[in-house]
Amino acid sequence: MAITESTKDALLRVAIETINEGGESAIRLDSILAEVGVSPSSLYHHYGNLNGLIEAAHVERFQKAVYGNAVELKRRIEETESRESFVALIDSMMDMFFSSVREIARQHRVNVLGNAFGRPALLDAVATAQKQSLLIATEAMRIAQSKGFVNKELDVAAFVAWFDGMAWGRVLIEISPEDNQGAKWNEIAKRAVHSVLFG
């Protein structure tokens, strides 16, 4: 039996797809309502107004970008049983995080943050999602630390915050792809992470 998408979820999905394809300026109330096949009263019932829908779409975009990474890291660290396997895991996760395949996801994350300024409710929701992601990743690294995989003196919460900021910064070299600094940036980032985690 197929699961039917709720009106609320359909409105959110279409808003996210529209923002991902054309930015927030591409949002048109009539287009969204027509695609979902509902009246304005449905939008007002679920999101209060168009701005409420846009903010909900941004929050969902951001949460998908940050939450999944942290949960996957924790799951994989819990399954890792040796330092060698942990080093390989960290390298493979960095390869994934920094890959060109994830470039659009990084841009979406930055886009949400940019749209949050001047919108206190959205900024608060983004901050909450970011904190939750950092807490999960910190818990994951504490597990690695308790297994003896990383330096026991390392402040893992500070490491996670630093790493996250560094990964966000990769967007800056991606907006000028002709500079071709991606591979060099990746190598420097890996060496820095190895130095901090393993000494």
N, C-alpha and C. Protein backbone atom coordinates (compact mmCIF):
# COMPACT_ATOMS: atom_id res chain seq x y z
N MET A 1 0.84 -1.17 0.00
CA MET A 1 0.00 0.00 0.00
C MET A 1 0.89 1.25 0.00
N ALA A 2 0.63 2.17 -0.90
CA ALA A 2 1.41 3.40 -0.99
C ALA A 2 1.00 4.36 0.11
N ILE A 3 1.99 5.06 0.65
CA ILE A 3 1.72 6.06 1.68
C ILE A 3 1.41 7.37 0.97
N THR A 4 0.25 7.94 1.33
CA THR A 4 -0.16 9.20 0.72
C THR A 4 0.52 10.36 1.42
N GLU A 5 1.04 11.28 0.64
CA GLU A 5 1.71 12.45 1.18
C GLU A 5 0.66 13.42 1.72
N SER A 6 0.87 13.91 2.92
CA SER A 6 -0.06 14.88 3.49
C SER A 6 0.06 16.21 2.76
N THR A 7 -0.98 17.02 2.87
CA THR A 7 -0.95 18.35 2.25
C THR A 7 0.21 19.17 2.82
N LYS A 8 0.41 19.10 4.12
CA LYS A 8 1.49 19.85 4.77
C LYS A 8 2.84 19.43 4.19
N ASP A 9 3.06 18.12 4.08
CA ASP A 9 4.33 17.62 3.54
C ASP A 9 4.50 17.97 2.06
N ALA A 10 3.40 17.93 1.31
CA ALA A 10 3.47 18.26 -0.11
C ALA A 10 3.83 19.73 -0.32
N LEU A 11 3.23 20.61 0.47
CA LEU A 11 3.57 22.03 0.39
C LEU A 11 5.05 22.24 0.70
N LEU A 12 5.52 21.58 1.75
CA LEU A 12 6.92 21.71 2.14
C LEU A 12 7.84 21.18 1.06
N ARG A 13 7.53 20.02 0.52
CA ARG A 13 8.36 19.41 -0.53
C ARG A 13 8.47 20.33 -1.74
N VAL A 14 7.34 20.86 -2.20
CA VAL A 14 7.35 21.71 -3.38
C VAL A 14 8.12 23.01 -3.10
N ALA A 15 7.97 23.56 -1.91
CA ALA A 15 8.72 24.77 -1.56
C ALA A 15 10.22 24.49 -1.56
N ILE A 16 10.62 23.36 -0.99
CA ILE A 16 12.05 22.99 -0.97
C ILE A 16 12.58 22.80 -2.38
N GLU A 17 11.85 22.08 -3.21
CA GLU A 17 12.28 21.86 -4.60
C GLU A 17 12.43 23.19 -5.34
N THR A 18 11.47 24.10 -5.12
CA THR A 18 11.51 25.40 -5.79
C THR A 18 12.71 26.21 -5.34
N ILE A 19 12.97 26.25 -4.03
CA ILE A 19 14.13 27.00 -3.52
C ILE A 19 15.42 26.37 -4.02
N ASN A 20 15.50 25.04 -4.00
CA ASN A 20 16.72 24.37 -4.46
C ASN A 20 17.00 24.65 -5.93
N GLU A 21 15.96 24.78 -6.73
CA GLU A 21 16.15 24.99 -8.17
C GLU A 21 16.39 26.45 -8.53
N GLY A 22 15.69 27.37 -7.85
CA GLY A 22 15.77 28.76 -8.28
C GLY A 22 15.98 29.78 -7.19
N GLY A 23 16.20 29.32 -5.96
CA GLY A 23 16.36 30.24 -4.86
C GLY A 23 15.02 30.70 -4.32
N GLU A 24 15.08 31.40 -3.22
CA GLU A 24 13.85 31.86 -2.58
C GLU A 24 13.03 32.77 -3.49
N SER A 25 13.69 33.53 -4.34
CA SER A 25 12.98 34.45 -5.22
C SER A 25 12.10 33.71 -6.24
N ALA A 26 12.33 32.41 -6.43
CA ALA A 26 11.51 31.63 -7.37
C ALA A 26 10.18 31.18 -6.77
N ILE A 27 10.02 31.37 -5.48
CA ILE A 27 8.77 30.96 -4.81
C ILE A 27 7.62 31.82 -5.30
N ARG A 28 6.58 31.17 -5.80
CA ARG A 28 5.35 31.84 -6.22
C ARG A 28 4.19 31.08 -5.58
N LEU A 29 3.42 31.77 -4.79
CA LEU A 29 2.32 31.14 -4.08
C LEU A 29 1.39 30.39 -5.02
N ASP A 30 0.97 31.04 -6.10
CA ASP A 30 0.04 30.40 -7.03
C ASP A 30 0.61 29.12 -7.62
N SER A 31 1.90 29.13 -7.93
CA SER A 31 2.54 27.94 -8.52
C SER A 31 2.59 26.79 -7.53
N ILE A 32 2.93 27.10 -6.29
CA ILE A 32 3.01 26.05 -5.26
C ILE A 32 1.63 25.46 -5.02
N LEU A 33 0.63 26.32 -4.87
CA LEU A 33 -0.73 25.84 -4.62
C LEU A 33 -1.23 24.99 -5.78
N ALA A 34 -0.94 25.42 -7.00
CA ALA A 34 -1.38 24.67 -8.18
C ALA A 34 -0.70 23.31 -8.25
N GLU A 35 0.60 23.27 -7.97
CA GLU A 35 1.32 21.99 -8.05
C GLU A 35 0.82 21.00 -7.01
N VAL A 36 0.52 21.50 -5.81
CA VAL A 36 0.03 20.62 -4.75
C VAL A 36 -1.47 20.33 -4.93
N GLY A 37 -2.17 21.26 -5.60
CA GLY A 37 -3.60 21.09 -5.83
C GLY A 37 -4.45 21.46 -4.62
N VAL A 38 -4.07 22.54 -3.95
CA VAL A 38 -4.81 22.97 -2.76
C VAL A 38 -5.11 24.47 -2.86
N SER A 39 -5.96 24.93 -1.96
CA SER A 39 -6.33 26.35 -1.91
C SER A 39 -5.42 27.08 -0.92
N PRO A 40 -5.43 28.41 -0.96
CA PRO A 40 -4.62 29.18 -0.01
C PRO A 40 -4.94 28.84 1.45
N SER A 41 -6.18 28.47 1.74
CA SER A 41 -6.53 28.16 3.13
C SER A 41 -5.71 26.99 3.68
N SER A 42 -5.32 26.05 2.82
CA SER A 42 -4.47 24.93 3.27
C SER A 42 -3.10 25.43 3.69
N LEU A 43 -2.55 26.34 2.90
CA LEU A 43 -1.24 26.91 3.25
C LEU A 43 -1.35 27.64 4.58
N TYR A 44 -2.38 28.47 4.73
CA TYR A 44 -2.53 29.25 5.96
C TYR A 44 -2.77 28.36 7.17
N HIS A 45 -3.48 27.27 6.95
CA HIS A 45 -3.75 26.33 8.04
C HIS A 45 -2.45 25.68 8.55
N HIS A 46 -1.60 25.28 7.63
CA HIS A 46 -0.39 24.54 8.02
C HIS A 46 0.81 25.43 8.35
N TYR A 47 0.93 26.57 7.67
CA TYR A 47 2.14 27.39 7.82
C TYR A 47 1.89 28.85 8.19
N GLY A 48 0.65 29.23 8.34
CA GLY A 48 0.33 30.60 8.73
C GLY A 48 0.29 31.56 7.56
N ASN A 49 1.33 31.54 6.74
CA ASN A 49 1.41 32.37 5.54
C ASN A 49 2.56 31.86 4.67
N LEU A 50 2.78 32.52 3.55
CA LEU A 50 3.84 32.08 2.64
C LEU A 50 5.21 32.15 3.30
N ASN A 51 5.45 33.19 4.08
CA ASN A 51 6.74 33.30 4.76
C ASN A 51 6.96 32.14 5.74
N GLY A 52 5.89 31.70 6.41
CA GLY A 52 5.99 30.54 7.29
C GLY A 52 6.39 29.29 6.54
N LEU A 53 5.85 29.11 5.34
CA LEU A 53 6.23 27.97 4.51
C LEU A 53 7.68 28.07 4.07
N ILE A 54 8.08 29.27 3.66
CA ILE A 54 9.47 29.47 3.22
C ILE A 54 10.44 29.18 4.36
N GLU A 55 10.12 29.68 5.55
CA GLU A 55 11.01 29.42 6.69
C GLU A 55 11.05 27.94 7.03
N ALA A 56 9.90 27.28 6.99
CA ALA A 56 9.88 25.82 7.26
C ALA A 56 10.72 25.07 6.22
N ALA A 57 10.66 25.52 4.97
CA ALA A 57 11.46 24.87 3.92
C ALA A 57 12.95 25.06 4.18
N HIS A 58 13.33 26.26 4.58
CA HIS A 58 14.74 26.51 4.88
C HIS A 58 15.22 25.64 6.06
N VAL A 59 14.40 25.55 7.09
CA VAL A 59 14.78 24.74 8.25
C VAL A 59 14.96 23.28 7.84
N GLU A 60 14.03 22.78 7.06
CA GLU A 60 14.11 21.38 6.61
C GLU A 60 15.35 21.16 5.74
N ARG A 61 15.64 22.09 4.85
CA ARG A 61 16.84 21.99 4.01
C ARG A 61 18.09 21.93 4.87
N PHE A 62 18.14 22.79 5.86
CA PHE A 62 19.32 22.85 6.73
C PHE A 62 19.45 21.59 7.56
N GLN A 63 18.35 21.14 8.16
CA GLN A 63 18.40 19.94 8.99
C GLN A 63 18.86 18.73 8.20
N LYS A 64 18.37 18.59 6.98
CA LYS A 64 18.79 17.45 6.14
C LYS A 64 20.29 17.52 5.87
N ALA A 65 20.79 18.73 5.68
CA ALA A 65 22.21 18.89 5.36
C ALA A 65 23.12 18.56 6.53
N VAL A 66 22.71 18.91 7.74
CA VAL A 66 23.63 18.75 8.88
C VAL A 66 23.36 17.52 9.72
N TYR A 67 22.11 17.17 9.90
CA TYR A 67 21.75 16.11 10.83
C TYR A 67 22.19 14.73 10.34
N GLY A 68 21.95 14.46 9.07
CA GLY A 68 22.28 13.14 8.52
C GLY A 68 23.76 12.82 8.63
N ASN A 69 24.61 13.81 8.39
CA ASN A 69 26.06 13.58 8.48
C ASN A 69 26.47 13.16 9.89
N ALA A 70 25.93 13.86 10.89
CA ALA A 70 26.31 13.58 12.28
C ALA A 70 25.83 12.20 12.71
N VAL A 71 24.62 11.86 12.35
CA VAL A 71 24.06 10.55 12.72
C VAL A 71 24.85 9.43 12.07
N GLU A 72 25.19 9.61 10.80
CA GLU A 72 25.98 8.58 10.09
C GLU A 72 27.37 8.43 10.70
N LEU A 73 28.01 9.54 11.05
CA LEU A 73 29.32 9.48 11.70
C LEU A 73 29.24 8.69 13.00
N LYS A 74 28.26 9.00 13.82
CA LYS A 74 28.12 8.30 15.10
C LYS A 74 27.89 6.80 14.89
N ARG A 75 27.00 6.47 13.98
CA ARG A 75 26.70 5.05 13.73
C ARG A 75 27.97 4.30 13.30
N ARG A 76 28.73 4.91 12.43
CA ARG A 76 29.91 4.22 11.91
C ARG A 76 31.02 4.14 12.96
N ILE A 77 31.16 5.16 13.81
CA ILE A 77 32.16 5.09 14.88
C ILE A 77 31.78 4.01 15.88
N GLU A 78 30.50 3.89 16.19
CA GLU A 78 30.05 2.84 17.12
C GLU A 78 30.41 1.45 16.60
N GLU A 79 30.41 1.27 15.30
CA GLU A 79 30.71 -0.03 14.69
C GLU A 79 32.21 -0.27 14.52
N THR A 80 33.03 0.75 14.64
CA THR A 80 34.47 0.64 14.39
C THR A 80 35.17 0.04 15.60
N GLU A 81 36.06 -0.92 15.34
CA GLU A 81 36.67 -1.65 16.44
C GLU A 81 38.18 -1.50 16.55
N SER A 82 38.81 -0.81 15.62
CA SER A 82 40.26 -0.63 15.73
C SER A 82 40.64 0.79 15.31
N ARG A 83 41.80 1.21 15.79
CA ARG A 83 42.29 2.54 15.43
C ARG A 83 42.52 2.65 13.93
N GLU A 84 43.05 1.60 13.32
CA GLU A 84 43.30 1.60 11.89
C GLU A 84 41.99 1.76 11.12
N SER A 85 40.95 1.06 11.57
CA SER A 85 39.64 1.18 10.93
C SER A 85 39.07 2.58 11.13
N PHE A 86 39.34 3.17 12.30
CA PHE A 86 38.85 4.51 12.57
C PHE A 86 39.54 5.53 11.66
N VAL A 87 40.86 5.39 11.49
CA VAL A 87 41.59 6.30 10.59
C VAL A 87 41.02 6.19 9.18
N ALA A 88 40.79 4.96 8.73
CA ALA A 88 40.21 4.76 7.39
C ALA A 88 38.81 5.36 7.31
N LEU A 89 38.04 5.23 8.38
CA LEU A 89 36.69 5.81 8.42
C LEU A 89 36.75 7.32 8.31
N ILE A 90 37.63 7.94 9.09
CA ILE A 90 37.76 9.41 9.05
C ILE A 90 38.16 9.86 7.65
N ASP A 91 39.10 9.16 7.04
CA ASP A 91 39.52 9.53 5.68
C ASP A 91 38.37 9.38 4.69
N SER A 92 37.62 8.30 4.79
CA SER A 92 36.51 8.10 3.84
C SER A 92 35.39 9.11 4.07
N MET A 93 35.14 9.46 5.33
CA MET A 93 34.12 10.47 5.62
C MET A 93 34.56 11.83 5.08
N MET A 94 35.85 12.16 5.24
CA MET A 94 36.32 13.43 4.69
C MET A 94 36.23 13.44 3.17
N ASP A 95 36.58 12.31 2.54
CA ASP A 95 36.45 12.23 1.08
C ASP A 95 35.00 12.50 0.67
N MET A 96 34.05 11.94 1.43
CA MET A 96 32.64 12.16 1.13
C MET A 96 32.25 13.61 1.40
N PHE A 97 32.61 14.14 2.58
CA PHE A 97 32.23 15.51 2.95
C PHE A 97 32.76 16.52 1.92
N PHE A 98 33.97 16.31 1.45
CA PHE A 98 34.63 17.30 0.60
C PHE A 98 34.45 17.04 -0.90
N SER A 99 33.73 15.99 -1.26
CA SER A 99 33.61 15.63 -2.67
C SER A 99 32.78 16.66 -3.43
N SER A 100 33.02 16.71 -4.74
CA SER A 100 32.27 17.63 -5.59
C SER A 100 30.80 17.24 -5.65
N VAL A 101 30.49 15.98 -5.39
CA VAL A 101 29.09 15.53 -5.37
C VAL A 101 28.30 16.27 -4.29
N ARG A 102 28.97 16.66 -3.21
CA ARG A 102 28.31 17.34 -2.09
C ARG A 102 28.34 18.86 -2.22
N GLU A 103 28.86 19.36 -3.32
CA GLU A 103 28.98 20.81 -3.49
C GLU A 103 27.63 21.51 -3.40
N ILE A 104 26.63 20.98 -4.06
CA ILE A 104 25.29 21.60 -4.03
C ILE A 104 24.73 21.58 -2.61
N ALA A 105 24.91 20.49 -1.90
CA ALA A 105 24.43 20.41 -0.51
C ALA A 105 25.09 21.47 0.35
N ARG A 106 26.40 21.70 0.15
CA ARG A 106 27.09 22.74 0.90
C ARG A 106 26.52 24.12 0.56
N GLN A 107 26.26 24.34 -0.72
CA GLN A 107 25.69 25.62 -1.13
C GLN A 107 24.30 25.84 -0.53
N HIS A 108 23.51 24.79 -0.47
CA HIS A 108 22.17 24.90 0.13
C HIS A 108 22.28 25.28 1.60
N ARG A 109 23.24 24.68 2.28
CA ARG A 109 23.43 24.96 3.70
C ARG A 109 23.78 26.43 3.92
N VAL A 110 24.70 26.94 3.11
CA VAL A 110 25.09 28.34 3.21
C VAL A 110 23.92 29.25 2.82
N ASN A 111 23.17 28.83 1.81
CA ASN A 111 22.01 29.60 1.37
C ASN A 111 20.99 29.76 2.50
N VAL A 112 20.74 28.68 3.23
CA VAL A 112 19.80 28.76 4.35
C VAL A 112 20.32 29.73 5.40
N LEU A 113 21.59 29.63 5.72
CA LEU A 113 22.15 30.53 6.73
C LEU A 113 22.02 31.99 6.28
N GLY A 114 22.32 32.26 5.03
CA GLY A 114 22.20 33.62 4.52
C GLY A 114 20.77 34.13 4.60
N ASN A 115 19.81 33.27 4.30
CA ASN A 115 18.40 33.67 4.36
C ASN A 115 17.90 33.83 5.79
N ALA A 116 18.62 33.28 6.76
CA ALA A 116 18.17 33.35 8.15
C ALA A 116 18.43 34.71 8.78
N PHE A 117 19.40 35.44 8.28
CA PHE A 117 19.69 36.74 8.88
C PHE A 117 18.54 37.70 8.60
N GLY A 118 18.11 38.39 9.65
CA GLY A 118 16.96 39.28 9.55
C GLY A 118 15.65 38.57 9.79
N ARG A 119 15.71 37.26 10.04
CA ARG A 119 14.52 36.46 10.35
C ARG A 119 14.79 35.73 11.67
N PRO A 120 14.48 36.33 12.78
CA PRO A 120 14.84 35.75 14.08
C PRO A 120 14.35 34.32 14.30
N ALA A 121 13.13 34.03 13.88
CA ALA A 121 12.60 32.66 14.10
C ALA A 121 13.39 31.65 13.27
N LEU A 122 13.70 31.99 12.04
CA LEU A 122 14.47 31.08 11.19
C LEU A 122 15.90 30.94 11.70
N LEU A 123 16.51 32.03 12.10
CA LEU A 123 17.87 31.98 12.65
C LEU A 123 17.92 31.11 13.89
N ASP A 124 16.91 31.23 14.75
CA ASP A 124 16.84 30.41 15.95
C ASP A 124 16.69 28.93 15.60
N ALA A 125 15.85 28.63 14.62
CA ALA A 125 15.66 27.23 14.21
C ALA A 125 16.93 26.65 13.60
N VAL A 126 17.64 27.46 12.81
CA VAL A 126 18.91 27.02 12.21
C VAL A 126 19.95 26.79 13.30
N ALA A 127 20.01 27.71 14.26
CA ALA A 127 20.96 27.56 15.37
C ALA A 127 20.67 26.30 16.17
N THR A 128 19.40 26.02 16.40
CA THR A 128 19.00 24.81 17.13
C THR A 128 19.42 23.55 16.37
N ALA A 129 19.17 23.54 15.07
CA ALA A 129 19.57 22.39 14.25
C ALA A 129 21.08 22.21 14.23
N GLN A 130 21.79 23.32 14.14
CA GLN A 130 23.26 23.26 14.14
C GLN A 130 23.78 22.71 15.47
N LYS A 131 23.22 23.21 16.57
CA LYS A 131 23.65 22.73 17.89
C LYS A 131 23.38 21.24 18.04
N GLN A 132 22.22 20.79 17.58
CA GLN A 132 21.88 19.37 17.68
C GLN A 132 22.87 18.53 16.88
N SER A 133 23.20 18.99 15.69
CA SER A 133 24.16 18.27 14.85
C SER A 133 25.52 18.20 15.52
N LEU A 134 25.97 19.33 16.07
CA LEU A 134 27.27 19.36 16.75
C LEU A 134 27.28 18.46 17.98
N LEU A 135 26.17 18.41 18.71
CA LEU A 135 26.09 17.53 19.89
C LEU A 135 26.21 16.07 19.49
N ILE A 136 25.55 15.67 18.41
CA ILE A 136 25.62 14.28 17.95
C ILE A 136 27.04 13.95 17.49
N ALA A 137 27.64 14.86 16.72
CA ALA A 137 29.01 14.61 16.24
C ALA A 137 30.00 14.59 17.41
N THR A 138 29.78 15.45 18.41
CA THR A 138 30.65 15.45 19.59
C THR A 138 30.52 14.13 20.34
N GLU A 139 29.29 13.66 20.48
CA GLU A 139 29.07 12.36 21.14
C GLU A 139 29.78 11.25 20.36
N ALA A 140 29.73 11.33 19.04
CA ALA A 140 30.42 10.33 18.21
C ALA A 140 31.92 10.35 18.46
N MET A 141 32.50 11.55 18.52
CA MET A 141 33.94 11.65 18.74
C MET A 141 34.32 11.25 20.16
N ARG A 142 33.42 11.44 21.11
CA ARG A 142 33.70 10.97 22.48
C ARG A 142 33.75 9.45 22.52
N ILE A 143 32.91 8.82 21.72
CA ILE A 143 32.95 7.36 21.63
C ILE A 143 34.31 6.93 21.08
N ALA A 144 34.77 7.61 20.02
CA ALA A 144 36.09 7.30 19.46
C ALA A 144 37.19 7.52 20.48
N GLN A 145 37.06 8.58 21.25
CA GLN A 145 38.05 8.90 22.28
C GLN A 145 38.04 7.82 23.37
N SER A 146 36.86 7.37 23.77
CA SER A 146 36.78 6.34 24.82
C SER A 146 37.35 5.00 24.34
N LYS A 147 37.34 4.78 23.04
CA LYS A 147 37.91 3.56 22.47
C LYS A 147 39.42 3.69 22.26
N GLY A 148 39.96 4.87 22.54
CA GLY A 148 41.40 5.09 22.39
C GLY A 148 41.83 5.40 20.97
N PHE A 149 40.90 5.81 20.12
CA PHE A 149 41.23 6.07 18.72
C PHE A 149 41.81 7.46 18.50
N VAL A 150 41.53 8.41 19.40
CA VAL A 150 42.02 9.77 19.23
C VAL A 150 42.72 10.21 20.52
N ASN A 151 43.46 11.30 20.43
CA ASN A 151 44.18 11.82 21.59
C ASN A 151 43.22 11.99 22.77
N LYS A 152 43.62 11.45 23.92
CA LYS A 152 42.73 11.50 25.08
C LYS A 152 42.59 12.90 25.66
N GLU A 153 43.53 13.81 25.38
CA GLU A 153 43.46 15.18 25.88
C GLU A 153 42.65 16.09 24.96
N LEU A 154 42.26 15.62 23.81
CA LEU A 154 41.56 16.44 22.82
C LEU A 154 40.20 16.89 23.35
N ASP A 155 39.90 18.17 23.23
CA ASP A 155 38.57 18.70 23.51
C ASP A 155 37.74 18.39 22.26
N VAL A 156 37.00 17.30 22.31
CA VAL A 156 36.30 16.84 21.10
C VAL A 156 35.19 17.80 20.67
N ALA A 157 34.57 18.48 21.62
CA ALA A 157 33.54 19.46 21.25
C ALA A 157 34.16 20.60 20.44
N ALA A 158 35.32 21.07 20.87
CA ALA A 158 36.01 22.13 20.13
C ALA A 158 36.46 21.62 18.76
N PHE A 159 36.95 20.37 18.71
CA PHE A 159 37.36 19.80 17.43
C PHE A 159 36.18 19.75 16.46
N VAL A 160 35.04 19.26 16.92
CA VAL A 160 33.87 19.14 16.05
C VAL A 160 33.44 20.51 15.53
N ALA A 161 33.43 21.51 16.41
CA ALA A 161 33.05 22.86 15.99
C ALA A 161 34.05 23.40 14.96
N TRP A 162 35.35 23.18 15.20
CA TRP A 162 36.38 23.63 14.26
C TRP A 162 36.21 22.93 12.91
N PHE A 163 36.04 21.60 12.95
CA PHE A 163 35.91 20.85 11.71
C PHE A 163 34.71 21.33 10.91
N ASP A 164 33.60 21.54 11.60
CA ASP A 164 32.39 21.98 10.92
C ASP A 164 32.61 23.33 10.24
N GLY A 165 33.26 24.25 10.94
CA GLY A 165 33.56 25.55 10.36
C GLY A 165 34.48 25.44 9.15
N MET A 166 35.46 24.56 9.26
CA MET A 166 36.37 24.35 8.14
C MET A 166 35.62 23.80 6.93
N ALA A 167 34.76 22.82 7.17
CA ALA A 167 34.01 22.21 6.07
C ALA A 167 33.07 23.24 5.41
N TRP A 168 32.45 24.10 6.22
CA TRP A 168 31.62 25.17 5.67
C TRP A 168 32.46 26.05 4.75
N GLY A 169 33.68 26.32 5.16
CA GLY A 169 34.55 27.21 4.41
C GLY A 169 34.91 26.70 3.02
N ARG A 170 34.71 25.42 2.77
CA ARG A 170 35.05 24.87 1.46
C ARG A 170 34.22 25.53 0.36
N VAL A 171 33.05 26.03 0.70
CA VAL A 171 32.20 26.71 -0.28
C VAL A 171 32.94 27.87 -0.94
N LEU A 172 33.80 28.52 -0.19
CA LEU A 172 34.50 29.69 -0.72
C LEU A 172 35.40 29.37 -1.90
N ILE A 173 36.01 28.18 -1.89
CA ILE A 173 36.84 27.84 -3.05
C ILE A 173 35.99 27.27 -4.19
N GLU A 174 34.79 26.81 -3.87
CA GLU A 174 33.92 26.25 -4.90
C GLU A 174 33.23 27.32 -5.73
N ILE A 175 33.19 28.55 -5.24
CA ILE A 175 32.56 29.60 -6.04
C ILE A 175 33.51 30.14 -7.10
N SER A 176 34.77 29.73 -7.03
CA SER A 176 35.75 30.09 -8.06
C SER A 176 36.44 28.82 -8.55
N PRO A 177 35.68 27.94 -9.22
CA PRO A 177 36.26 26.64 -9.60
C PRO A 177 37.45 26.73 -10.55
N GLU A 178 37.58 27.84 -11.27
CA GLU A 178 38.71 27.95 -12.20
C GLU A 178 40.05 28.01 -11.47
N ASP A 179 40.01 28.34 -10.18
CA ASP A 179 41.24 28.38 -9.39
C ASP A 179 41.78 26.98 -9.12
N ASN A 180 40.94 25.96 -9.23
CA ASN A 180 41.34 24.56 -9.11
C ASN A 180 42.11 24.26 -7.82
N GLN A 181 41.61 24.77 -6.71
CA GLN A 181 42.27 24.56 -5.42
C GLN A 181 41.66 23.42 -4.60
N GLY A 182 40.59 22.81 -5.10
CA GLY A 182 39.87 21.80 -4.34
C GLY A 182 40.72 20.65 -3.83
N ALA A 183 41.50 20.04 -4.71
CA ALA A 183 42.31 18.89 -4.31
C ALA A 183 43.37 19.28 -3.28
N LYS A 184 43.97 20.43 -3.48
CA LYS A 184 44.99 20.90 -2.53
C LYS A 184 44.34 21.22 -1.18
N TRP A 185 43.16 21.86 -1.23
CA TRP A 185 42.43 22.16 0.01
C TRP A 185 42.12 20.88 0.76
N ASN A 186 41.64 19.86 0.04
CA ASN A 186 41.31 18.57 0.67
C ASN A 186 42.52 17.96 1.36
N GLU A 187 43.67 18.01 0.70
CA GLU A 187 44.88 17.42 1.26
C GLU A 187 45.31 18.16 2.53
N ILE A 188 45.26 19.47 2.52
CA ILE A 188 45.62 20.25 3.71
C ILE A 188 44.63 19.97 4.84
N ALA A 189 43.35 19.89 4.51
CA ALA A 189 42.33 19.61 5.53
C ALA A 189 42.56 18.25 6.17
N LYS A 190 42.87 17.25 5.35
CA LYS A 190 43.12 15.90 5.89
C LYS A 190 44.35 15.89 6.80
N ARG A 191 45.40 16.57 6.37
CA ARG A 191 46.60 16.60 7.21
C ARG A 191 46.31 17.30 8.54
N ALA A 192 45.53 18.37 8.50
CA ALA A 192 45.18 19.09 9.73
C ALA A 192 44.37 18.21 10.66
N VAL A 193 43.40 17.51 10.12
CA VAL A 193 42.56 16.62 10.93
C VAL A 193 43.39 15.50 11.53
N HIS A 194 44.25 14.89 10.75
CA HIS A 194 45.12 13.83 11.27
C HIS A 194 46.01 14.36 12.39
N SER A 195 46.55 15.54 12.21
CA SER A 195 47.41 16.12 13.23
C SER A 195 46.67 16.33 14.55
N VAL A 196 45.46 16.86 14.45
CA VAL A 196 44.68 17.14 15.66
C VAL A 196 44.21 15.85 16.34
N LEU A 197 43.71 14.91 15.54
CA LEU A 197 43.14 13.70 16.12
C LEU A 197 44.21 12.72 16.61
N PHE A 198 45.30 12.59 15.86
CA PHE A 198 46.23 11.51 16.13
C PHE A 198 47.61 11.97 16.58
N GLY A 199 47.89 13.27 16.49
CA GLY A 199 49.16 13.80 16.96
C GLY A 199 50.29 13.60 15.99
